[in-house]
């Protein structure tokens, strides 16, 4: 029992803190609900300290709970990233929920539940544990998306997300059950050993069926083509605070799920699944960038942008080399920061009863709020991959891994699509800096949100000038995890 507590100490603490926050919120009125917010943030900060002490004070990776749970450096880095981005998301949510008359404790409780699911996904080393973590995340997100109960658009988004999410979960579970039937085990290590000893794995028909269902389920969770149909509608219909959370931290958790399943357990079958994922990744890079060109709604634009970014990240994973995995990990961490920063900016510029959602809402932002226009510009430059921002190095690292793997044609396509994608980011910058504003609304936000948004923007330029800091962390984490 003590060993189990040590292995999963951050998750056990977060679950206990979630229960305390839930009970605490029952006795608080609307005016006192800031206590719920503060308790939530304190819980996340404490969880970060527990993750650090649990993961980085060990000499090597550790598998516990009868082989079901992995404690390694990659999991530690990804968990800390998830928790830090969630702290930003909750800080911005406090302003948004008050402005839009949605100030309820359920957001923080469901958010903590989703974070717990993410942490379980990152450390899961057993098909059942991975699936339970994914479902805990998914069910919490379904409820968060439906928080605005009196809004028809939000209700429609929640129904689409729930129905399609349930189908995707079914695909993934069916694929996992077939893997169990083939290998006779749910443990990732045993599954890897089984397929390592199998001859002619590329002609194993049951395995091909299992891989097809697993790839389809993972592709939906990442929102890549052709399983992207839910993403723009959900981003647009969901309250912006929920969109910020949905678009950032869960992507890191799904990245971990893809690494655990495909790059670890199913690495011997890489020749089979890599062809499917390369096709999905390149379709996502192309279609995501092209469809984003026609968008005037900022949330839909960022949704199509997310599709293309997930394609880039998958191209790093599918190369199945240390360079590719490291580039993909760097990319997903950076994308989570960029996406959180972009939606945080929309929340910051909003006010009571008013949301920034259309491109024209940003007209003349540089004249009204020059500092925050500059921060938004840095975020957009990074998303577009324009030097010297961090996004340029992230795309360069993935493309370099693709070239090293001798997929030069794919690298050329990625470069061309990056140039196409730069257009819609530059269009936003043009509106901010060269169009005349419709009005001059002031920014109504607390100092902590202003500081967090500014720090996020400045990180884009700092990590662009010194990318080795974060890339070194990714490299060392993956080396220690033997990836």
Protein backbone atom coordinates (compact mmCIF):
# COMPACT_ATOMS: atom_id res chain seq x y z
CA UNK A 1 0.00 0.00 0.00
CA UNK A 2 2.82 2.39 0.86
CA UNK A 3 4.54 1.73 -2.46
CA UNK A 4 1.28 2.44 -4.31
CA UNK A 5 0.91 5.70 -2.42
CA UNK A 6 4.45 6.74 -3.36
CA UNK A 7 3.96 5.89 -7.04
CA UNK A 8 0.67 7.80 -7.42
CA UNK A 9 1.10 10.43 -4.69
CA UNK A 10 0.29 13.49 -6.90
CA UNK A 11 -2.86 11.85 -8.28
CA UNK A 12 -4.04 10.71 -4.83
CA UNK A 13 -3.52 14.21 -3.44
CA UNK A 14 -5.35 15.83 -6.37
CA UNK A 15 -8.30 13.46 -5.93
CA UNK A 16 -8.49 14.31 -2.21
CA UNK A 17 -8.19 18.04 -2.98
CA UNK A 18 -10.95 17.72 -5.58
CA UNK A 19 -13.30 16.24 -2.98
CA UNK A 20 -12.40 19.00 -0.48
CA UNK A 21 -13.02 21.75 -3.06
CA UNK A 22 -16.34 20.16 -4.02
CA UNK A 23 -17.51 20.05 -0.39
CA UNK A 24 -16.15 23.53 0.30
CA UNK A 25 -18.07 24.99 -2.64
CA UNK A 26 -21.37 23.66 -1.26
CA UNK A 27 -21.17 26.04 1.70
CA UNK A 28 -20.08 29.14 -0.22
CA UNK A 29 -22.29 31.81 -1.70
CA UNK A 30 -21.65 33.48 -5.03
CA UNK A 31 -19.69 36.33 -3.44
CA UNK A 32 -17.45 33.94 -1.48
CA UNK A 33 -16.74 31.64 -4.41
CA UNK A 34 -13.29 33.17 -4.84
CA UNK A 35 -12.32 30.79 -2.02
CA UNK A 36 -13.11 27.87 -4.35
CA UNK A 37 -10.84 29.42 -6.97
CA UNK A 38 -8.00 29.98 -4.50
CA UNK A 39 -8.32 26.45 -3.08
CA UNK A 40 -8.17 25.05 -6.62
CA UNK A 41 -5.05 27.00 -7.53
CA UNK A 42 -3.38 26.05 -4.24
CA UNK A 43 -4.18 22.38 -4.95
CA UNK A 44 -2.61 22.57 -8.41
CA UNK A 45 0.53 24.26 -7.08
CA UNK A 46 0.89 21.60 -4.37
CA UNK A 47 0.41 18.87 -6.98
CA UNK A 48 3.29 20.38 -9.01
CA UNK A 49 5.55 20.10 -5.95
CA UNK A 50 4.48 16.49 -5.41
CA UNK A 51 5.12 15.65 -9.08
CA UNK A 52 8.57 17.17 -8.85
CA UNK A 53 9.46 15.25 -5.70
CA UNK A 54 7.99 11.98 -7.02
CA UNK A 55 9.52 11.99 -10.47
CA UNK A 56 12.80 13.83 -10.32
CA UNK A 57 14.24 12.31 -7.15
CA UNK A 58 14.37 8.82 -8.67
CA UNK A 59 17.47 7.38 -10.37
CA UNK A 60 15.52 5.63 -13.12
CA UNK A 61 12.02 5.09 -14.40
CA UNK A 62 9.81 2.98 -12.17
CA UNK A 63 6.80 0.83 -12.97
CA UNK A 64 4.44 0.32 -10.05
CA UNK A 65 0.94 -0.87 -9.16
CA UNK A 66 1.66 -4.33 -10.65
CA UNK A 67 3.04 -2.88 -13.87
CA UNK A 68 0.11 -0.54 -14.48
CA UNK A 69 1.68 2.84 -13.68
CA UNK A 70 4.88 4.43 -15.01
CA UNK A 71 7.01 6.94 -13.14
CA UNK A 72 9.58 8.44 -15.52
CA UNK A 73 11.02 11.81 -16.48
CA UNK A 74 8.81 12.23 -19.55
CA UNK A 75 5.72 11.82 -17.40
CA UNK A 76 7.11 14.32 -14.88
CA UNK A 77 7.75 17.02 -17.50
CA UNK A 78 4.36 16.52 -19.16
CA UNK A 79 2.49 16.54 -15.83
CA UNK A 80 4.14 19.79 -14.71
CA UNK A 81 3.30 21.35 -18.09
CA UNK A 82 -0.36 20.26 -17.78
CA UNK A 83 -0.62 21.70 -14.27
CA UNK A 84 1.05 25.02 -15.15
CA UNK A 85 -1.18 25.55 -18.19
CA UNK A 86 -4.24 24.62 -16.10
CA UNK A 87 -3.28 27.30 -13.56
CA UNK A 88 -3.27 29.86 -16.41
CA UNK A 89 -6.60 28.52 -17.68
CA UNK A 90 -8.25 28.80 -14.25
CA UNK A 91 -6.87 32.31 -13.68
CA UNK A 92 -8.38 33.48 -16.97
CA UNK A 93 -11.59 31.55 -16.28
CA UNK A 94 -12.18 33.55 -13.08
CA UNK A 95 -12.48 36.77 -15.12
CA UNK A 96 -14.52 35.15 -17.90
CA UNK A 97 -17.00 33.40 -15.60
CA UNK A 98 -17.67 36.64 -13.73
CA UNK A 99 -18.04 38.69 -16.91
CA UNK A 100 -20.50 36.21 -18.47
CA UNK A 101 -22.54 35.52 -15.28
CA UNK A 102 -21.31 31.91 -15.09
CA UNK A 103 -19.50 32.21 -11.75
CA UNK A 104 -20.04 28.67 -10.43
CA UNK A 105 -17.77 26.27 -8.61
CA UNK A 106 -18.60 23.42 -10.98
CA UNK A 107 -16.06 24.76 -13.47
CA UNK A 108 -13.17 24.30 -11.04
CA UNK A 109 -14.35 20.91 -9.77
CA UNK A 110 -14.84 19.53 -13.28
CA UNK A 111 -11.54 21.10 -14.35
CA UNK A 112 -9.68 19.35 -11.51
CA UNK A 113 -11.39 16.09 -12.46
CA UNK A 114 -10.21 16.52 -16.07
CA UNK A 115 -6.67 17.27 -14.87
CA UNK A 116 -6.71 14.08 -12.78
CA UNK A 117 -7.66 12.14 -15.91
CA UNK A 118 -4.77 13.76 -17.80
CA UNK A 119 -2.25 12.85 -15.10
CA UNK A 120 -3.46 9.24 -15.17
CA UNK A 121 -3.13 9.16 -18.98
CA UNK A 122 0.44 10.44 -18.82
CA UNK A 123 1.59 7.73 -16.38
CA UNK A 124 -0.66 4.88 -17.46
CA UNK A 125 1.28 1.77 -18.53
CA UNK A 126 -1.68 -0.55 -18.91
CA UNK A 127 -4.45 -0.43 -21.52
CA UNK A 128 -7.22 -0.29 -18.92
CA UNK A 129 -5.55 2.50 -16.91
CA UNK A 130 -4.96 4.54 -20.08
CA UNK A 131 -8.58 4.13 -21.12
CA UNK A 132 -9.94 5.03 -17.67
CA UNK A 133 -7.79 8.17 -17.60
CA UNK A 134 -9.01 9.15 -21.06
CA UNK A 135 -12.66 8.63 -20.09
CA UNK A 136 -12.27 10.64 -16.88
CA UNK A 137 -10.88 13.49 -18.99
CA UNK A 138 -13.54 13.13 -21.68
CA UNK A 139 -16.56 12.98 -19.35
CA UNK A 140 -15.35 16.03 -17.45
CA UNK A 141 -14.85 17.95 -20.70
CA UNK A 142 -18.33 16.98 -21.98
CA UNK A 143 -19.83 18.57 -18.86
CA UNK A 144 -17.62 21.67 -19.12
CA UNK A 145 -18.56 22.23 -22.77
CA UNK A 146 -22.25 22.11 -21.76
CA UNK A 147 -21.87 24.56 -18.85
CA UNK A 148 -23.81 27.33 -20.57
CA UNK A 149 -27.14 25.54 -20.40
CA UNK A 150 -29.31 28.39 -21.73
CA UNK A 151 -27.25 28.84 -24.92
CA UNK A 152 -28.44 26.84 -27.94
CA UNK A 153 -25.03 27.00 -29.64
CA UNK A 154 -23.24 25.69 -26.55
CA UNK A 155 -25.79 22.88 -26.18
CA UNK A 156 -25.34 21.91 -29.83
CA UNK A 157 -21.54 21.89 -29.39
CA UNK A 158 -21.85 19.69 -26.29
CA UNK A 159 -24.11 17.18 -28.05
CA UNK A 160 -21.76 16.95 -31.05
CA UNK A 161 -18.75 16.55 -28.79
CA UNK A 162 -20.44 13.93 -26.62
CA UNK A 163 -21.84 11.79 -29.46
CA UNK A 164 -18.71 11.84 -31.60
CA UNK A 165 -16.50 11.46 -28.52
CA UNK A 166 -18.44 8.38 -27.45
CA UNK A 167 -18.01 6.86 -30.92
CA UNK A 168 -14.26 7.58 -30.85
CA UNK A 169 -13.94 6.08 -27.36
CA UNK A 170 -15.71 2.99 -28.67
CA UNK A 171 -13.23 2.73 -31.55
CA UNK A 172 -10.30 3.01 -29.15
CA UNK A 173 -11.74 0.49 -26.68
CA UNK A 174 -12.51 -1.98 -29.46
CA UNK A 175 -8.96 -1.65 -30.80
CA UNK A 176 -7.54 -2.19 -27.30
CA UNK A 177 -9.74 -5.25 -26.76
CA UNK A 178 -8.43 -6.73 -30.03
CA UNK A 179 -4.86 -6.08 -28.87
CA UNK A 180 -5.68 -7.96 -25.68
CA UNK A 181 -7.15 -10.82 -27.68
CA UNK A 182 -4.03 -11.05 -29.87
CA UNK A 183 -1.35 -10.64 -27.20
CA UNK A 184 -3.15 -12.00 -24.15
CA UNK A 185 -2.11 -9.04 -21.98
CA UNK A 186 -3.15 -5.50 -21.10
CA UNK A 187 0.34 -4.44 -19.97
CA UNK A 188 2.26 -2.33 -22.49
CA UNK A 189 5.58 -4.06 -21.80
CA UNK A 190 4.11 -7.51 -22.40
CA UNK A 191 2.35 -6.35 -25.57
CA UNK A 192 5.65 -4.98 -26.90
CA UNK A 193 7.50 -8.21 -26.11
CA UNK A 194 4.78 -10.27 -27.81
CA UNK A 195 4.91 -8.34 -31.08
CA UNK A 196 8.73 -8.18 -31.01
CA UNK A 197 8.78 -11.99 -31.24
CA UNK A 198 6.19 -12.22 -34.02
CA UNK A 199 7.42 -12.86 -37.59
CA UNK A 200 5.74 -11.14 -40.58
CA UNK A 201 3.96 -8.64 -38.38
CA UNK A 202 3.01 -6.52 -41.42
CA UNK A 203 0.71 -9.33 -42.65
CA UNK A 204 -0.99 -9.92 -39.30
CA UNK A 205 -4.62 -9.20 -40.23
CA UNK A 206 -6.09 -9.02 -36.68
CA UNK A 207 -3.35 -6.56 -35.74
CA UNK A 208 -4.18 -4.40 -38.77
CA UNK A 209 -7.80 -4.22 -37.62
CA UNK A 210 -6.73 -3.33 -34.07
CA UNK A 211 -4.37 -0.62 -35.32
CA UNK A 212 -7.06 0.87 -37.54
CA UNK A 213 -9.48 1.29 -34.64
CA UNK A 214 -6.79 2.59 -32.28
CA UNK A 215 -5.49 5.15 -34.78
CA UNK A 216 -9.06 6.31 -35.52
CA UNK A 217 -9.79 6.78 -31.81
CA UNK A 218 -6.55 8.68 -31.17
CA UNK A 219 -7.07 10.80 -34.30
CA UNK A 220 -10.45 11.94 -33.01
CA UNK A 221 -9.06 12.90 -29.62
CA UNK A 222 -6.37 14.98 -31.35
CA UNK A 223 -8.85 16.40 -33.87
CA UNK A 224 -6.94 15.46 -37.02
CA UNK A 225 -8.39 14.94 -40.51
CA UNK A 226 -10.74 13.17 -41.27
CA UNK A 227 -11.88 13.01 -37.62
CA UNK A 228 -11.83 16.80 -37.21
CA UNK A 229 -15.47 17.60 -37.92
CA UNK A 230 -16.29 18.28 -34.25
CA UNK A 231 -13.43 20.65 -33.51
CA UNK A 232 -14.50 23.97 -35.16
CA UNK A 233 -18.10 23.68 -33.94
CA UNK A 234 -17.08 22.81 -30.38
CA UNK A 235 -14.46 25.58 -30.21
CA UNK A 236 -16.99 28.12 -31.49
CA UNK A 237 -19.96 27.06 -29.35
CA UNK A 238 -18.07 26.47 -26.11
CA UNK A 239 -17.52 29.29 -23.55
CA UNK A 240 -14.09 30.77 -24.24
CA UNK A 241 -12.73 29.80 -20.81
CA UNK A 242 -13.57 26.16 -21.56
CA UNK A 243 -12.13 26.46 -25.08
CA UNK A 244 -8.86 27.71 -23.57
CA UNK A 245 -8.68 24.66 -21.31
CA UNK A 246 -9.86 22.18 -23.98
CA UNK A 247 -7.39 23.42 -26.60
CA UNK A 248 -4.25 23.25 -24.49
CA UNK A 249 -3.62 20.83 -21.60
CA UNK A 250 -5.58 17.81 -22.97
CA UNK A 251 -3.43 17.86 -26.13
CA UNK A 252 -0.38 17.14 -23.96
CA UNK A 253 -2.17 14.20 -22.31
CA UNK A 254 -3.20 12.73 -25.68
CA UNK A 255 0.39 13.15 -26.89
CA UNK A 256 1.48 11.00 -23.93
CA UNK A 257 -1.20 8.44 -24.82
CA UNK A 258 0.05 8.25 -28.41
CA UNK A 259 3.67 7.84 -27.24
CA UNK A 260 2.76 5.10 -24.73
CA UNK A 261 0.61 3.15 -27.17
CA UNK A 262 2.30 3.61 -30.53
CA UNK A 263 5.96 4.40 -29.79
CA UNK A 264 6.29 2.01 -26.83
CA UNK A 265 3.76 -0.83 -26.87
CA UNK A 266 3.32 -1.05 -30.66
CA UNK A 267 6.81 0.03 -31.72
CA UNK A 268 7.48 -3.40 -33.38
CA UNK A 269 4.47 -2.75 -35.66
CA UNK A 270 5.72 0.71 -36.63
CA UNK A 271 5.83 -0.16 -40.32
CA UNK A 272 2.07 -0.80 -40.21
CA UNK A 273 0.76 2.15 -38.20
CA UNK A 274 3.20 4.75 -39.51
CA UNK A 275 1.61 4.75 -42.98
CA UNK A 276 -1.82 5.53 -41.54
CA UNK A 277 -0.57 8.30 -39.27
CA UNK A 278 1.58 9.94 -41.99
CA UNK A 279 -1.51 10.15 -44.20
CA UNK A 280 -3.64 11.65 -41.41
CA UNK A 281 -0.88 14.09 -40.42
CA UNK A 282 -0.28 15.43 -43.92
CA UNK A 283 -4.01 15.73 -44.62
CA UNK A 284 -4.37 17.68 -41.37
CA UNK A 285 -1.49 20.04 -42.22
CA UNK A 286 -2.94 20.73 -45.66
CA UNK A 287 -6.67 20.89 -44.96
CA UNK A 288 -6.32 22.68 -41.61
CA UNK A 289 -4.30 25.53 -43.10
CA UNK A 290 -6.43 25.86 -46.23
CA UNK A 291 -9.79 25.92 -44.39
CA UNK A 292 -8.47 28.41 -41.84
CA UNK A 293 -7.96 30.94 -44.66
CA UNK A 294 -11.72 31.41 -45.01
CA UNK A 295 -12.52 31.94 -41.30
CA UNK A 296 -13.57 35.25 -39.76
CA UNK A 297 -14.56 33.76 -36.41
CA UNK A 298 -11.38 33.67 -34.31
CA UNK A 299 -12.32 30.52 -32.42
CA UNK A 300 -13.01 28.60 -35.64
CA UNK A 301 -9.78 29.96 -37.10
CA UNK A 302 -7.79 28.69 -34.11
CA UNK A 303 -9.64 25.35 -34.38
CA UNK A 304 -8.47 24.80 -37.97
CA UNK A 305 -5.04 26.03 -36.90
CA UNK A 306 -5.05 23.36 -34.16
CA UNK A 307 -5.76 20.69 -36.77
CA UNK A 308 -2.65 21.68 -38.74
CA UNK A 309 -0.51 21.91 -35.59
CA UNK A 310 -1.54 18.40 -34.51
CA UNK A 311 -0.49 17.20 -37.96
CA UNK A 312 2.98 18.66 -37.39
CA UNK A 313 3.24 17.01 -33.98
CA UNK A 314 2.21 13.61 -35.37
CA UNK A 315 4.87 13.85 -38.08
CA UNK A 316 7.47 14.02 -35.31
CA UNK A 317 6.06 10.95 -33.56
CA UNK A 318 5.68 8.87 -36.71
CA UNK A 319 9.39 9.16 -37.55
CA UNK A 320 9.89 6.92 -34.48
CA UNK A 321 13.38 8.26 -33.74
CA UNK A 322 14.68 10.02 -30.65
CA UNK A 323 15.04 13.22 -32.69
CA UNK A 324 11.45 12.94 -33.90
CA UNK A 325 10.01 12.18 -30.45
CA UNK A 326 11.96 15.05 -28.91
CA UNK A 327 10.80 17.46 -31.62
CA UNK A 328 7.18 16.30 -31.18
CA UNK A 329 7.35 16.73 -27.40
CA UNK A 330 8.84 20.21 -27.78
CA UNK A 331 6.13 21.03 -30.33
CA UNK A 332 3.18 19.88 -28.19
CA UNK A 333 4.43 21.74 -25.10
CA UNK A 334 4.90 24.89 -27.13
CA UNK A 335 1.56 24.53 -28.90
CA UNK A 336 -0.24 24.17 -25.57
CA UNK A 337 1.37 27.44 -24.42
CA UNK A 338 0.52 29.22 -27.69
CA UNK A 339 -3.08 28.05 -27.73
CA UNK A 340 -3.61 28.92 -24.06
CA UNK A 341 -2.06 32.35 -24.66
CA UNK A 342 -4.23 33.07 -27.72
CA UNK A 343 -7.51 32.23 -25.98
CA UNK A 344 -6.35 33.99 -22.80
CA UNK A 345 -5.89 37.10 -24.93
CA UNK A 346 -9.49 36.85 -26.18
CA UNK A 347 -10.69 36.60 -22.57
CA UNK A 348 -8.50 39.51 -21.48
CA UNK A 349 -9.91 41.78 -24.21
CA UNK A 350 -13.51 40.86 -23.37
CA UNK A 351 -15.66 42.55 -20.77
CA UNK A 352 -18.96 42.08 -18.96
CA UNK A 353 -21.59 40.94 -21.44
CA UNK A 354 -19.17 41.14 -24.39
CA UNK A 355 -16.90 38.52 -25.93
CA UNK A 356 -14.13 38.96 -28.50
CA UNK A 357 -14.92 36.31 -31.11
CA UNK A 358 -14.79 37.92 -34.57
CA UNK A 359 -11.77 39.16 -36.48
CA UNK A 360 -13.22 42.66 -36.63
CA UNK A 361 -13.31 42.82 -32.81
CA UNK A 362 -9.51 43.21 -32.90
CA UNK A 363 -9.54 46.29 -35.14
CA UNK A 364 -7.06 48.93 -34.01
CA UNK A 365 -5.93 46.94 -30.97
CA UNK A 366 -2.41 48.37 -31.25
CA UNK A 367 -3.77 51.89 -30.76
CA UNK A 368 -6.00 50.93 -27.85
CA UNK A 369 -3.70 48.55 -25.97
CA UNK A 370 -0.22 48.54 -27.57
CA UNK A 371 1.40 46.22 -25.01
CA UNK A 372 -1.20 43.46 -25.33
CA UNK A 373 -1.26 43.89 -29.11
CA UNK A 374 2.48 43.18 -29.03
CA UNK A 375 1.94 40.08 -26.87
CA UNK A 376 -0.73 38.83 -29.27
CA UNK A 377 1.61 39.53 -32.20
CA UNK A 378 4.33 37.38 -30.59
CA UNK A 379 1.86 34.54 -30.07
CA UNK A 380 0.64 34.75 -33.67
CA UNK A 381 4.19 34.94 -35.04
CA UNK A 382 5.03 31.82 -33.03
CA UNK A 383 1.95 29.97 -34.30
CA UNK A 384 2.91 30.91 -37.86
CA UNK A 385 6.50 29.75 -37.32
CA UNK A 386 8.12 33.10 -38.04
CA UNK A 387 11.63 33.64 -36.59
CA UNK A 388 12.84 34.51 -34.03
CA UNK A 389 9.85 33.13 -32.11
CA UNK A 390 9.76 29.65 -30.57
CA UNK A 391 7.24 28.40 -33.13
CA UNK A 392 9.85 28.68 -35.86
CA UNK A 393 12.26 26.41 -34.00
CA UNK A 394 9.46 23.93 -33.19
CA UNK A 395 8.48 23.57 -36.85
CA UNK A 396 12.13 23.49 -37.91
CA UNK A 397 12.88 20.68 -35.43
CA UNK A 398 10.00 18.53 -36.72
CA UNK A 399 10.87 19.18 -40.38
CA UNK A 400 14.52 18.34 -39.63
CA UNK A 401 13.45 15.00 -38.10
CA UNK A 402 11.31 14.29 -41.18
CA UNK A 403 14.25 15.06 -43.53
CA UNK A 404 16.60 12.84 -41.47
CA UNK A 405 14.10 10.00 -41.89
CA UNK A 406 14.36 10.48 -45.70
CA UNK A 407 10.81 11.82 -46.14
CA UNK A 408 11.98 14.87 -48.08
CA UNK A 409 8.76 15.16 -50.10
CA UNK A 410 6.74 15.35 -46.87
CA UNK A 411 9.10 18.02 -45.50
CA UNK A 412 8.63 20.12 -48.66
CA UNK A 413 4.84 19.83 -48.33
CA UNK A 414 5.04 20.90 -44.67
CA UNK A 415 7.13 23.96 -45.56
CA UNK A 416 4.70 24.99 -48.33
CA UNK A 417 1.69 24.60 -46.03
CA UNK A 418 3.45 26.60 -43.32
CA UNK A 419 3.79 29.48 -45.78
CA UNK A 420 0.09 29.16 -46.65
CA UNK A 421 -0.81 29.10 -42.95
CA UNK A 422 1.21 32.23 -42.23
CA UNK A 423 -1.35 34.22 -44.27
CA UNK A 424 -4.26 33.94 -41.83
CA UNK A 425 -2.06 34.78 -38.85
CA UNK A 426 -0.71 37.85 -40.66
CA UNK A 427 -4.30 38.82 -41.49
CA UNK A 428 -5.07 39.03 -37.77
CA UNK A 429 -1.95 41.16 -37.24
CA UNK A 430 -2.98 43.44 -40.11
CA UNK A 431 -6.39 43.99 -38.49
CA UNK A 432 -4.78 44.76 -35.12
CA UNK A 433 -2.20 47.21 -36.46
CA UNK A 434 -3.65 48.81 -39.60
CA UNK A 435 -7.46 48.89 -39.24
CA UNK A 436 -9.24 51.69 -37.40
CA UNK A 437 -10.99 50.62 -34.17
CA UNK A 438 -14.77 50.56 -33.87
CA UNK A 439 -14.64 51.77 -30.26
CA UNK A 440 -12.15 52.23 -27.40
CA UNK A 441 -13.19 49.78 -24.64
CA UNK A 442 -10.83 49.59 -21.64
CA UNK A 443 -9.33 46.31 -20.42
CA UNK A 444 -11.06 45.17 -17.25
CA UNK A 445 -8.83 42.48 -15.76
CA UNK A 446 -6.96 41.80 -12.55
CA UNK A 447 -3.19 42.19 -12.43
CA UNK A 448 -2.51 38.44 -12.17
CA UNK A 449 -4.20 37.78 -15.53
CA UNK A 450 -2.31 40.65 -17.17
CA UNK A 451 0.99 39.28 -15.84
CA UNK A 452 0.25 35.69 -16.94
CA UNK A 453 -0.77 36.75 -20.45
CA UNK A 454 2.30 38.98 -20.76
CA UNK A 455 4.59 36.21 -19.51
CA UNK A 456 3.09 33.80 -22.04
CA UNK A 457 3.73 36.23 -24.89
CA UNK A 458 7.29 36.99 -23.78
CA UNK A 459 8.04 33.26 -23.50
CA UNK A 460 7.48 32.96 -27.25
CA UNK A 461 10.42 35.25 -27.98
CA UNK A 462 12.60 33.96 -25.12
CA UNK A 463 12.16 30.32 -26.15
CA UNK A 464 12.78 31.35 -29.75
CA UNK A 465 16.13 32.91 -28.84
CA UNK A 466 17.03 30.15 -26.34
CA UNK A 467 15.16 27.05 -27.60
CA UNK A 468 17.83 24.78 -26.14
CA UNK A 469 16.38 25.27 -22.66
CA UNK A 470 13.07 23.53 -23.36
CA UNK A 471 14.48 21.23 -26.03
CA UNK A 472 17.17 20.09 -23.59
CA UNK A 473 14.49 19.23 -21.03
CA UNK A 474 12.59 17.21 -23.67
CA UNK A 475 15.78 15.44 -24.78
CA UNK A 476 16.83 14.48 -21.27
CA UNK A 477 13.33 13.35 -20.31
CA UNK A 478 13.04 11.08 -23.35
CA UNK A 479 16.57 9.69 -22.91
CA UNK A 480 15.82 8.86 -19.27
CA UNK A 481 12.55 7.25 -20.43
CA UNK A 482 14.53 5.32 -23.11
CA UNK A 483 12.60 6.81 -26.02
